[in-house]
Every structure is written in C-alpha cells, then in structure tokens.
Amino acid sequence: MCNVLFVPTLNELSPGEVTGAGTTKQFSFNRLICTPVPVGECKPKGLRQQEQREDEDWTYLRTTADELRQMVLQQNDQILMDQRTIRELTGKLNECETGLEEERRVPERSVGVWTGNRRLMAGDEVSSSAAAQLQTARAVEELERAIMDLKDRIEKLEISGKICSRLRSILNPSLTDGFLVEDLEGELERKIKMLEKERQAMRKETQGHHEKINQGIDTVNHRITELEHSESPSFPDGFVISFPMRTNYMYGLVRKEMPEMYAFTACVWLKAKEGGIGTPFSYSVPGQPNELVLLQGAHNPVELLINDKVAQLPLSLPEDEWQHICVSWTLRDGVWKAYQGGKMKGRGEGLAAWHPIKPGGVLILGQEQDTLGGRFDATQALVGELSQFNLWDRVLKPVEVAALADCSSTVLGNIAPWTDHDVDVFRGATKESLDPCHAAQRTNPANHKQ
C-alpha cells in the first residue's frame, strides 16, 4: 500500500507571478511521491481518532468499575469493624452503668482517693468504691476515644458516598439520589457493551474501506504493469533537444540526483545557431547558483565556472555545425582540460582547487540559473540543438574522449546519462529523433576520418 503526497521537487519548474517593480520571478515545482505505508495506517484519520477515543473511554470505564468494586469491599469491611466496635462499646457502657449503681449502694470510705491528676501509689489504701471509680473513669476515656474514632469513620464514609454520587452524576445524571453501587456497576456494564457493539460496527466499516483501497491499488498496479510491458524506446536512433529561439523559459532537466564530486568530465554534442553556444548546461546548489556552468555569451570566449571561479577555454564553435566538446576537472590543484572534436585544445590549473562539487543540486540544460532551478536570463540561453550530454565523476582519458567524438564509443555517463527517461524538456523545448554522430559525419566527413 502507498501514500501519495505532494512535496516540493524539481520535476516541473513553472514561473511565478511578478510581485512588484524590480522584483524577479519565482518558480515553484511539484512532484508526486509514493511512499510505503503499513496496512493498518491506511485508515482515514477520522476513523483512527474515533477508535482511539472509544478505546480510552472503554479503559476508563473498566478502571472505574474496578475501583468502585474495591471501594465497596473496603466499605463492607469497615462497616463490620464498626459494628464490632459498637458492640464492644455497648458492653463497656453496661459495665459502667453497673459499677455506678454499686457505688451508690456502698458508702464512701476514702474521699479523695482519685482527685485531680493524682495517681494511686503503692501502699495507698483503696476501697472497693475507689476501685469502681477508677474503672469507670478509664472506661469513660476509652468510650470517648472509640466515639471519636467512630465519628471519623462515619465522616470518611460520607465523603466516599459523595464521590460515588459524583461519579453517578457524570455517568448517568438520570439516576435517583438513592442509587446503589450495584446500579452504578450495571450502568458501567451497559456502556461497555454499547462500546463493544460500536467497535464491531467500526471494524466492519474499516474493513470495507480497506477492501476498496486494496482494489484501487490493484487496479493501479495492473495498469502500471501494462504500461511497462507496452513501453518501447521513443527514440531508438537517438534524440536531440531543440531550442528554436532565445527565451528565458525553454529548458531541459536532467532527472538524476547529483552526488558530491571530486572530479568530473562533461561531454556534449552542440549545434549553435547564433550568438555563441549560450549555456549548454548549468548546475546549481542551495546558496551557489554557479556551482558548475559551461557558457559563452555573444562575442565572448567559452567559460567554465566552478563555485563562481572562472576559467576561459580556448574553444571555437562555428554556427550551424555539429561540434563535440568535452571539459574535465579535478579538485587536485584545480586542473582542467578542454577538448573539441576529440582533441585537447587547452589545459590549466588553479580553478576552484580543493573545492568538491556539492551534492543535491539541479542540473539544467540550455539555460543559466541565477537561483536554484530558475530565474533564467534570455541573453545566456542556448539557441540551437544539444545532444549526447553525459557526465562522469572522473577525468576521462584522452583516448576515451576521442572515441566519443568519432562515434566509435557510446559509453554513457555514470552520473548523468543521456537517456530519454533521464532527460525532460519544458516550455517549448522539444525532443527530436536524430543521431548527432551520423549527422555530423554527413555534414563534415573529413573531421571523422580515422
């Protein structure tokens, strides 16, 4: 299963609106990306949120019911303890009443045996009446303490009852004030059963959605398979990109992710119409639109730019003739070489030495970029035709360059190969079926004799 998202990409570049005087055009581009998603996550967001809320409610009700059961058991134990305490107090109270009656019948023999806080000491003469008074006082103290404990327990029970009433009012306000804990448990059980039924219905509905989604995915996969089997090369004899006029919107795009490069060789067939070769290719990265550019303005020499550093190349390209050119470079001492027709025309060093070509940029054909992927300048555009653009991440040997120029080799670049699938055109630029090698041999047969 997959999830289709719209994210920024470089597949299509479109001009933006002019926002004011003196401002430049901004370009945006979109691409469909299909990323794998587990089956369980293809549910609609609303369904997943509703199921999550129901799970939380169901867990809360279960927990509340368990807590109430524990509370009821504790209260029952407490009531039994209180009943035993009341029976004990009742027995002691009866003993006290009996002792008082006996005290009234026996005359006092020793007054002041228990006065104030004085304790009876060993050797004191204590009559039976004094012993009865002492026993009665102690019993009264114990009775007072027991009564206070009983009062505290009753208050705790009243607080627990208020909590239960509050829970009852939250769960079902229609219950009467004289509810029982059993009624609350029954209400909880009823709600739990209702939630179970809703969950079952939700599962059935979700299963139906999954079946529909799977059917749609199967249909799409079947269609893709048909297209892959029926697809055939659009240009079996090779193709060229045509830029018929000087514009700031026609361009070609190489659909390859660019890695970091410590060396490169770029080769291309060109047929310029007017004003030099313009910009056969330009590679920009975030923060540096001139990371790697080959260009020639009107009445200017051909220039190779790397990280905004410039080297002038001794190349001369006549108009309306197919010419094969290659440029190579390595960061070691910034050494560069320029080839035309398979022959080295010049070399130099010190061009952006020890600066690696940064990864993750945009490679454009036919236009020079002033920003990442856009803001083209018509005065620097290529007018003519371009073909067999290949890019390697190494310096080709002179014999390899010569083989490409005389059409005895068709090796493709390992970084940017010249294939119909990897190169797209936009805004009026077109692909045409043509082999520039054969066209160049027919036009200039002397240049291709071995």
Protein backbone atom coordinates (compact mmCIF):
# COMPACT_ATOMS: atom_id res chain seq x y z
CA MET A 1 0.00 0.00 0.00
CA CYS A 2 1.18 3.55 -0.53
CA ASN A 3 0.52 7.08 0.48
CA VAL A 4 0.62 9.77 -2.21
CA LEU A 5 1.98 13.15 -1.14
CA PHE A 6 2.61 16.43 -2.90
CA VAL A 7 6.09 17.63 -1.98
CA PRO A 8 8.49 20.13 -3.45
CA THR A 9 10.55 18.59 -6.22
CA LEU A 10 12.40 19.52 -9.34
CA ASN A 11 10.29 17.60 -11.86
CA GLU A 12 8.50 20.66 -13.12
CA LEU A 13 9.55 24.25 -12.92
CA SER A 14 6.95 26.91 -13.51
CA PRO A 15 7.29 30.70 -13.47
CA GLY A 16 5.70 32.57 -10.60
CA GLU A 17 3.95 35.93 -10.58
CA VAL A 18 5.81 39.23 -10.66
CA THR A 19 5.29 40.71 -7.18
CA GLY A 20 6.32 44.29 -7.89
CA ALA A 21 8.53 46.63 -9.81
CA GLY A 22 12.08 45.50 -9.90
CA THR A 23 11.33 42.08 -8.44
CA THR A 24 12.29 38.85 -10.13
CA LYS A 25 10.21 35.83 -11.00
CA GLN A 26 10.00 32.97 -8.55
CA PHE A 27 9.48 29.38 -9.63
CA SER A 28 7.78 26.50 -7.85
CA PHE A 29 7.56 22.85 -8.74
CA ASN A 30 5.72 19.75 -7.52
CA ARG A 31 6.16 16.02 -7.68
CA LEU A 32 4.11 13.01 -6.65
CA ILE A 33 5.98 10.74 -4.27
CA CYS A 34 4.66 7.28 -3.42
CA THR A 35 5.95 6.02 -0.07
CA PRO A 36 5.10 2.66 1.52
CA VAL A 37 2.73 2.77 4.48
CA PRO A 38 1.73 -0.22 6.68
CA VAL A 39 -1.76 -1.56 6.03
CA GLY A 40 -3.04 -0.61 9.46
CA GLU A 41 -2.20 3.05 8.90
CA CYS A 42 -4.29 3.49 5.73
CA LYS A 43 -7.38 4.17 7.83
CA PRO A 44 -8.95 7.59 7.44
CA LYS A 45 -7.72 9.91 10.11
CA GLY A 46 -11.23 10.44 11.50
CA LEU A 47 -11.77 6.70 11.97
CA ARG A 48 -8.45 6.27 13.78
CA GLN A 49 -9.23 9.18 16.13
CA GLN A 50 -12.74 7.86 16.88
CA GLU A 51 -11.42 4.37 17.63
CA GLN A 52 -8.76 5.85 19.89
CA ARG A 53 -11.37 7.84 21.85
CA GLU A 54 -13.57 4.77 22.22
CA ASP A 55 -10.60 2.72 23.48
CA GLU A 56 -9.82 5.41 26.05
CA ASP A 57 -13.49 5.56 27.21
CA TRP A 58 -13.68 1.76 27.45
CA THR A 59 -10.45 1.59 29.51
CA TYR A 60 -11.62 4.41 31.77
CA LEU A 61 -14.96 2.73 32.46
CA ARG A 62 -13.31 -0.61 33.21
CA THR A 63 -10.87 1.06 35.61
CA THR A 64 -13.67 2.99 37.31
CA ALA A 65 -15.73 -0.20 37.80
CA ASP A 66 -12.75 -1.99 39.36
CA GLU A 67 -12.11 0.94 41.69
CA LEU A 68 -15.75 1.02 42.77
CA ARG A 69 -15.73 -2.73 43.50
CA GLN A 70 -12.64 -2.29 45.66
CA MET A 71 -14.28 0.66 47.40
CA VAL A 72 -17.43 -1.37 48.14
CA LEU A 73 -15.39 -4.23 49.59
CA GLN A 74 -13.44 -1.82 51.79
CA GLN A 75 -16.65 -0.16 52.98
CA ASN A 76 -18.20 -3.53 53.83
CA ASP A 77 -15.11 -4.46 55.87
CA GLN A 78 -15.24 -1.08 57.59
CA ILE A 79 -18.93 -1.49 58.43
CA LEU A 80 -18.25 -4.92 60.00
CA MET A 81 -15.43 -3.43 62.09
CA ASP A 82 -17.69 -0.56 63.19
CA GLN A 83 -20.41 -2.99 64.17
CA ARG A 84 -17.96 -4.95 66.33
CA THR A 85 -16.74 -1.69 67.89
CA ILE A 86 -20.30 -0.61 68.67
CA ARG A 87 -20.99 -3.97 70.35
CA GLU A 88 -17.83 -3.62 72.44
CA LEU A 89 -18.73 -0.07 73.46
CA THR A 90 -22.23 -1.12 74.35
CA GLY A 91 -20.85 -3.86 76.63
CA LYS A 92 -18.44 -1.44 78.31
CA LEU A 93 -21.20 1.11 78.78
CA ASN A 94 -23.32 -1.52 80.50
CA GLU A 95 -20.38 -2.36 82.78
CA CYS A 96 -20.01 1.32 83.66
CA GLU A 97 -23.71 1.65 84.49
CA THR A 98 -23.49 -1.45 86.71
CA GLY A 99 -20.43 -0.05 88.52
CA LEU A 100 -22.16 3.27 89.19
CA GLU A 101 -25.17 1.54 90.69
CA GLU A 102 -22.92 -0.47 93.03
CA GLU A 103 -21.09 2.75 94.01
CA ARG A 104 -24.32 4.35 95.11
CA ARG A 105 -25.09 1.39 97.40
CA VAL A 106 -21.61 1.37 99.07
CA PRO A 107 -20.80 4.35 101.44
CA GLU A 108 -17.70 6.29 100.76
CA ARG A 109 -14.78 5.22 102.95
CA SER A 110 -11.93 7.15 101.44
CA VAL A 111 -12.59 10.56 99.97
CA GLY A 112 -10.07 12.00 97.60
CA VAL A 113 -8.52 8.70 96.58
CA TRP A 114 -8.76 9.92 92.95
CA THR A 115 -8.68 13.68 92.88
CA GLY A 116 -7.31 15.79 90.10
CA ASN A 117 -4.42 14.18 88.32
CA ARG A 118 -3.01 12.34 91.39
CA ARG A 119 -2.05 8.75 90.75
CA LEU A 120 -2.62 5.94 93.30
CA MET A 121 0.75 4.90 94.67
CA ALA A 122 1.82 1.54 96.01
CA GLY A 123 0.68 1.24 99.62
CA ASP A 124 -2.32 3.60 99.22
CA GLU A 125 -5.46 2.25 100.80
CA VAL A 126 -8.02 1.87 98.08
CA SER A 127 -11.55 0.89 98.95
CA SER A 128 -13.83 -1.03 96.64
CA SER A 129 -15.64 2.26 95.91
CA ALA A 130 -12.41 3.93 94.75
CA ALA A 131 -11.57 0.96 92.53
CA ALA A 132 -15.00 1.23 90.95
CA GLN A 133 -14.45 4.96 90.33
CA LEU A 134 -11.07 4.26 88.69
CA GLN A 135 -12.54 1.58 86.48
CA THR A 136 -15.40 3.89 85.50
CA ALA A 137 -13.03 6.76 84.61
CA ARG A 138 -10.93 4.52 82.41
CA ALA A 139 -14.00 3.13 80.70
CA VAL A 140 -15.29 6.65 80.03
CA GLU A 141 -11.94 7.62 78.45
CA GLU A 142 -11.94 4.55 76.25
CA LEU A 143 -15.56 5.24 75.30
CA GLU A 144 -14.72 8.82 74.31
CA ARG A 145 -11.81 7.66 72.16
CA ALA A 146 -13.94 4.99 70.50
CA ILE A 147 -16.70 7.51 69.82
CA MET A 148 -14.19 9.91 68.18
CA ASP A 149 -12.81 7.08 66.00
CA LEU A 150 -16.32 6.10 65.04
CA LYS A 151 -17.09 9.71 64.13
CA ASP A 152 -14.03 9.91 61.88
CA ARG A 153 -15.01 6.70 60.12
CA ILE A 154 -18.54 7.97 59.56
CA GLU A 155 -17.16 11.18 58.02
CA LYS A 156 -14.94 9.14 55.68
CA LEU A 157 -17.94 7.06 54.63
CA GLU A 158 -19.91 10.26 53.92
CA ILE A 159 -17.04 11.57 51.73
CA SER A 160 -16.90 8.26 49.84
CA GLY A 161 -20.63 8.48 49.30
CA LYS A 162 -20.28 11.96 47.82
CA ILE A 163 -17.58 10.69 45.43
CA CYS A 164 -19.83 7.86 44.31
CA SER A 165 -22.66 10.34 43.79
CA ARG A 166 -20.38 12.50 41.67
CA LEU A 167 -19.38 9.51 39.54
CA ARG A 168 -23.02 8.54 39.22
CA SER A 169 -23.98 12.04 38.04
CA ILE A 170 -21.17 12.02 35.46
CA LEU A 171 -22.01 8.60 34.05
CA ASN A 172 -25.80 8.95 34.11
CA PRO A 173 -27.43 12.08 35.57
CA SER A 174 -30.88 10.45 35.31
CA LEU A 175 -30.20 8.10 38.27
CA THR A 176 -32.00 8.99 41.50
CA ASP A 177 -30.19 10.20 44.61
CA GLY A 178 -30.83 6.94 46.41
CA PHE A 179 -28.77 4.84 44.00
CA LEU A 180 -26.80 1.77 44.97
CA VAL A 181 -23.29 0.84 43.94
CA GLU A 182 -24.80 -2.11 42.12
CA ASP A 183 -26.78 0.35 39.97
CA LEU A 184 -23.55 2.14 39.02
CA GLU A 185 -21.86 -1.12 38.10
CA GLY A 186 -24.82 -2.06 35.96
CA GLU A 187 -24.66 1.28 34.18
CA LEU A 188 -20.96 0.76 33.52
CA GLU A 189 -21.55 -2.72 32.14
CA ARG A 190 -24.28 -1.38 29.86
CA LYS A 191 -21.98 1.32 28.47
CA ILE A 192 -19.17 -1.19 27.97
CA LYS A 193 -21.46 -3.45 25.95
CA MET A 194 -22.61 -0.48 23.88
CA LEU A 195 -18.99 0.45 23.14
CA GLU A 196 -18.24 -3.12 22.12
CA LYS A 197 -21.09 -3.02 19.61
CA GLU A 198 -19.84 0.29 18.21
CA ARG A 199 -16.31 -1.13 17.90
CA GLN A 200 -17.60 -4.13 15.96
CA ALA A 201 -19.54 -1.87 13.60
CA MET A 202 -16.45 0.31 13.17
CA ARG A 203 -14.32 -2.74 12.34
CA LYS A 204 -16.76 -3.79 9.64
CA GLU A 205 -16.79 -0.29 8.15
CA THR A 206 -12.99 -0.06 8.27
CA GLN A 207 -12.68 -3.46 6.63
CA GLY A 208 -14.91 -2.25 3.82
CA HIS A 209 -12.69 0.81 3.31
CA HIS A 210 -9.60 -1.40 3.26
CA GLU A 211 -11.12 -3.64 0.60
CA LYS A 212 -11.92 -0.63 -1.60
CA ILE A 213 -8.40 0.77 -1.17
CA ASN A 214 -6.83 -2.57 -1.99
CA GLN A 215 -8.97 -2.88 -5.10
CA GLY A 216 -7.88 0.58 -6.24
CA ILE A 217 -4.21 -0.23 -5.62
CA ASP A 218 -4.52 -3.50 -7.52
CA THR A 219 -6.06 -1.65 -10.46
CA VAL A 220 -3.24 0.92 -10.48
CA ASN A 221 -0.56 -1.78 -10.24
CA HIS A 222 -2.18 -3.70 -13.09
CA ARG A 223 -2.23 -0.56 -15.23
CA ILE A 224 1.44 0.19 -14.43
CA THR A 225 2.39 -3.35 -15.38
CA GLU A 226 0.58 -3.00 -18.70
CA LEU A 227 2.35 0.28 -19.43
CA GLU A 228 5.75 -1.17 -18.53
CA HIS A 229 5.25 -4.13 -20.87
CA SER A 230 3.92 -1.97 -23.69
CA GLU A 231 6.55 0.78 -23.32
CA SER A 232 9.14 0.90 -26.07
CA PRO A 233 12.02 3.34 -26.65
CA SER A 234 10.72 6.62 -28.03
CA PHE A 235 13.95 7.35 -29.90
CA PRO A 236 15.69 4.14 -30.95
CA ASP A 237 18.12 6.10 -33.17
CA GLY A 238 18.96 8.73 -30.53
CA PHE A 239 17.49 12.18 -29.96
CA VAL A 240 18.41 15.82 -29.68
CA ILE A 241 16.89 18.69 -27.69
CA SER A 242 15.95 21.69 -29.80
CA PHE A 243 15.86 25.28 -28.51
CA PRO A 244 14.48 27.14 -31.58
CA MET A 245 14.63 30.66 -30.17
CA ARG A 246 16.27 32.73 -27.45
CA THR A 247 13.98 32.72 -24.38
CA ASN A 248 14.16 32.74 -20.61
CA TYR A 249 11.74 29.82 -20.25
CA MET A 250 12.69 26.92 -22.55
CA TYR A 251 14.93 24.39 -20.80
CA GLY A 252 15.82 20.76 -20.32
CA LEU A 253 16.08 19.00 -16.95
CA VAL A 254 18.31 16.06 -16.02
CA ARG A 255 16.37 13.84 -13.61
CA LYS A 256 19.30 12.48 -11.65
CA GLU A 257 20.31 13.06 -8.04
CA MET A 258 23.74 14.61 -8.05
CA PRO A 259 26.38 13.30 -5.62
CA GLU A 260 29.43 15.09 -4.29
CA MET A 261 32.16 15.03 -6.94
CA TYR A 262 35.93 15.47 -6.60
CA ALA A 263 36.43 15.29 -10.35
CA PHE A 264 34.23 15.25 -13.47
CA THR A 265 34.12 15.04 -17.24
CA ALA A 266 31.20 16.51 -19.18
CA CYS A 267 30.76 15.82 -22.91
CA VAL A 268 28.10 17.10 -25.29
CA TRP A 269 27.25 17.49 -28.98
CA LEU A 270 26.26 21.08 -29.84
CA LYS A 271 24.88 22.85 -32.90
CA ALA A 272 24.65 26.56 -32.11
CA LYS A 273 22.51 28.86 -34.24
CA GLU A 274 23.58 32.35 -33.13
CA GLY A 275 25.49 34.32 -30.52
CA GLY A 276 27.82 31.57 -29.36
CA ILE A 277 26.74 28.46 -27.51
CA GLY A 278 24.91 30.26 -24.71
CA THR A 279 24.68 27.89 -21.73
CA PRO A 280 24.75 24.20 -22.68
CA PHE A 281 24.42 23.16 -19.02
CA SER A 282 24.36 24.70 -15.54
CA TYR A 283 24.38 23.03 -12.13
CA SER A 284 23.28 24.98 -9.06
CA VAL A 285 23.11 24.09 -5.37
CA PRO A 286 21.48 25.89 -2.42
CA GLY A 287 23.44 29.07 -1.82
CA GLN A 288 25.52 28.80 -5.02
CA PRO A 289 23.78 29.06 -8.45
CA ASN A 290 27.14 28.81 -10.27
CA GLU A 291 28.46 25.58 -8.79
CA LEU A 292 29.23 24.19 -12.27
CA VAL A 293 28.45 26.08 -15.50
CA LEU A 294 29.61 25.99 -19.13
CA LEU A 295 28.63 29.14 -21.05
CA GLN A 296 29.53 31.57 -23.83
CA GLY A 297 27.95 34.94 -24.38
CA ALA A 298 27.83 36.82 -27.67
CA HIS A 299 31.37 37.84 -28.76
CA ASN A 300 32.82 36.30 -25.58
CA PRO A 301 35.05 33.24 -25.09
CA VAL A 302 33.73 29.97 -23.73
CA GLU A 303 33.98 29.90 -19.92
CA LEU A 304 33.93 27.13 -17.32
CA LEU A 305 32.65 28.24 -13.90
CA ILE A 306 33.13 26.20 -10.71
CA ASN A 307 31.95 27.72 -7.44
CA ASP A 308 31.90 31.11 -9.20
CA LYS A 309 35.59 30.76 -10.18
CA VAL A 310 36.17 31.20 -13.94
CA ALA A 311 38.50 29.67 -16.50
CA GLN A 312 38.39 30.73 -20.17
CA LEU A 313 38.51 27.78 -22.59
CA PRO A 314 40.20 28.02 -26.00
CA LEU A 315 37.25 26.63 -27.94
CA SER A 316 35.84 27.95 -31.21
CA LEU A 317 32.45 26.66 -32.31
CA PRO A 318 31.17 27.70 -35.76
CA GLU A 319 27.46 28.33 -36.19
CA ASP A 320 25.07 25.72 -37.54
CA GLU A 321 27.59 22.84 -37.36
CA TRP A 322 27.60 19.84 -35.03
CA GLN A 323 30.61 20.02 -32.71
CA HIS A 324 31.66 17.59 -29.97
CA ILE A 325 33.21 19.20 -26.90
CA CYS A 326 34.36 17.83 -23.54
CA VAL A 327 35.61 19.54 -20.38
CA SER A 328 37.24 17.79 -17.41
CA TRP A 329 38.34 18.99 -13.98
CA THR A 330 39.78 17.66 -10.72
CA LEU A 331 39.94 19.39 -7.36
CA ARG A 332 43.61 18.40 -7.04
CA ASP A 333 45.26 21.73 -7.91
CA GLY A 334 42.09 22.66 -9.87
CA VAL A 335 43.43 21.17 -13.12
CA TRP A 336 41.07 21.48 -16.13
CA LYS A 337 41.21 20.31 -19.77
CA ALA A 338 39.13 21.31 -22.80
CA TYR A 339 38.53 19.10 -25.88
CA GLN A 340 36.93 19.84 -29.24
CA GLY A 341 36.43 17.15 -31.87
CA GLY A 342 38.27 14.65 -29.67
CA LYS A 343 41.44 16.76 -29.49
CA MET A 344 42.71 18.68 -26.46
CA LYS A 345 42.57 22.41 -27.15
CA GLY A 346 43.84 23.66 -23.82
CA ARG A 347 44.50 22.95 -20.15
CA GLY A 348 45.13 24.90 -16.96
CA GLU A 349 45.09 24.73 -13.19
CA GLY A 350 44.06 26.72 -10.13
CA LEU A 351 40.33 26.55 -10.92
CA ALA A 352 38.48 26.14 -7.58
CA ALA A 353 41.28 23.93 -6.27
CA TRP A 354 40.30 21.58 -3.43
CA HIS A 355 36.63 22.57 -3.68
CA PRO A 356 34.42 19.48 -4.20
CA ILE A 357 31.30 19.85 -6.35
CA LYS A 358 28.46 19.89 -3.82
CA PRO A 359 25.63 17.33 -3.97
CA GLY A 360 21.85 17.70 -4.11
CA GLY A 361 21.57 20.42 -6.75
CA VAL A 362 19.66 20.99 -10.02
CA LEU A 363 21.16 20.23 -13.44
CA ILE A 364 19.59 22.32 -16.24
CA LEU A 365 20.24 22.13 -19.99
CA GLY A 366 20.06 25.20 -22.22
CA GLN A 367 19.76 27.87 -19.50
CA GLU A 368 21.95 29.53 -16.86
CA GLN A 369 20.46 29.58 -13.35
CA ASP A 370 20.57 32.68 -11.18
CA THR A 371 18.71 30.88 -8.39
CA LEU A 372 18.27 27.20 -7.58
CA GLY A 373 16.32 25.79 -10.54
CA GLY A 374 15.23 29.06 -12.13
CA ARG A 375 15.47 32.80 -12.81
CA PHE A 376 16.83 32.27 -16.30
CA ASP A 377 18.38 35.05 -18.42
CA ALA A 378 17.48 35.02 -22.12
CA THR A 379 20.83 36.60 -23.09
CA GLN A 380 22.62 33.49 -21.73
CA ALA A 381 20.25 30.89 -23.26
CA LEU A 382 21.31 28.31 -25.84
CA VAL A 383 19.81 28.76 -29.30
CA GLY A 384 20.24 25.61 -31.36
CA GLU A 385 20.40 21.89 -30.64
CA LEU A 386 22.03 19.78 -27.97
CA SER A 387 22.56 16.02 -27.71
CA GLN A 388 24.55 13.25 -26.03
CA PHE A 389 25.16 15.17 -22.80
CA ASN A 390 26.90 12.77 -20.42
CA LEU A 391 28.54 13.43 -17.05
CA TRP A 392 31.11 11.24 -15.25
CA ASP A 393 32.58 11.63 -11.76
CA ARG A 394 36.12 11.09 -13.04
CA VAL A 395 38.55 12.51 -15.59
CA LEU A 396 38.27 10.61 -18.89
CA LYS A 397 41.43 9.63 -20.66
CA PRO A 398 42.20 11.38 -24.00
CA VAL A 399 41.60 8.14 -25.88
CA GLU A 400 38.14 7.83 -24.32
CA VAL A 401 37.28 11.38 -25.34
CA ALA A 402 38.47 10.72 -28.90
CA ALA A 403 36.32 7.58 -29.13
CA LEU A 404 33.23 9.54 -28.10
CA ALA A 405 33.99 12.26 -30.67
CA ASP A 406 34.44 9.87 -33.61
CA CYS A 407 31.30 7.90 -32.60
CA SER A 408 33.24 4.66 -32.01
CA SER A 409 32.07 4.65 -28.36
CA THR A 410 28.58 5.02 -26.90
CA VAL A 411 29.52 4.89 -23.22
CA LEU A 412 27.01 6.78 -21.05
CA GLY A 413 27.90 8.96 -18.08
CA ASN A 414 27.67 7.24 -14.69
CA ILE A 415 26.34 10.42 -13.04
CA ALA A 416 24.08 11.85 -15.76
CA PRO A 417 23.45 9.51 -18.72
CA TRP A 418 21.84 10.67 -21.96
CA THR A 419 18.59 8.66 -22.00
CA ASP A 420 15.03 9.60 -22.83
CA HIS A 421 13.96 8.55 -19.34
CA ASP A 422 16.51 10.72 -17.54
CA VAL A 423 16.09 13.94 -19.57
CA ASP A 424 12.89 16.02 -19.83
CA VAL A 425 12.09 19.22 -21.71
CA PHE A 426 9.77 22.08 -20.75
CA ARG A 427 8.18 25.31 -22.02
CA GLY A 428 8.64 24.85 -25.74
CA ALA A 429 11.91 22.93 -25.90
CA THR A 430 11.39 19.71 -27.88
CA LYS A 431 12.91 16.28 -28.34
CA GLU A 432 13.56 15.18 -31.92
CA SER A 433 14.75 11.85 -33.23
CA LEU A 434 18.29 12.29 -34.57
CA ASP A 435 21.75 10.79 -34.14
CA PRO A 436 24.20 13.72 -33.96
CA CYS A 437 27.15 11.44 -34.74
CA HIS A 438 25.74 10.43 -38.13
CA ALA A 439 24.53 13.94 -38.82
CA ALA A 440 27.98 15.35 -38.10
CA GLN A 441 29.66 12.73 -40.32
CA ARG A 442 27.38 13.59 -43.22
CA THR A 443 27.97 17.32 -42.72
CA ASN A 444 31.75 17.16 -42.12
CA PRO A 445 33.04 13.77 -43.34
CA ALA A 446 36.68 14.92 -43.23
CA ASN A 447 36.50 15.55 -39.49
CA HIS A 448 35.63 11.88 -38.80
CA LYS A 449 38.23 10.05 -40.86
CA GLN A 450 40.38 7.74 -38.80
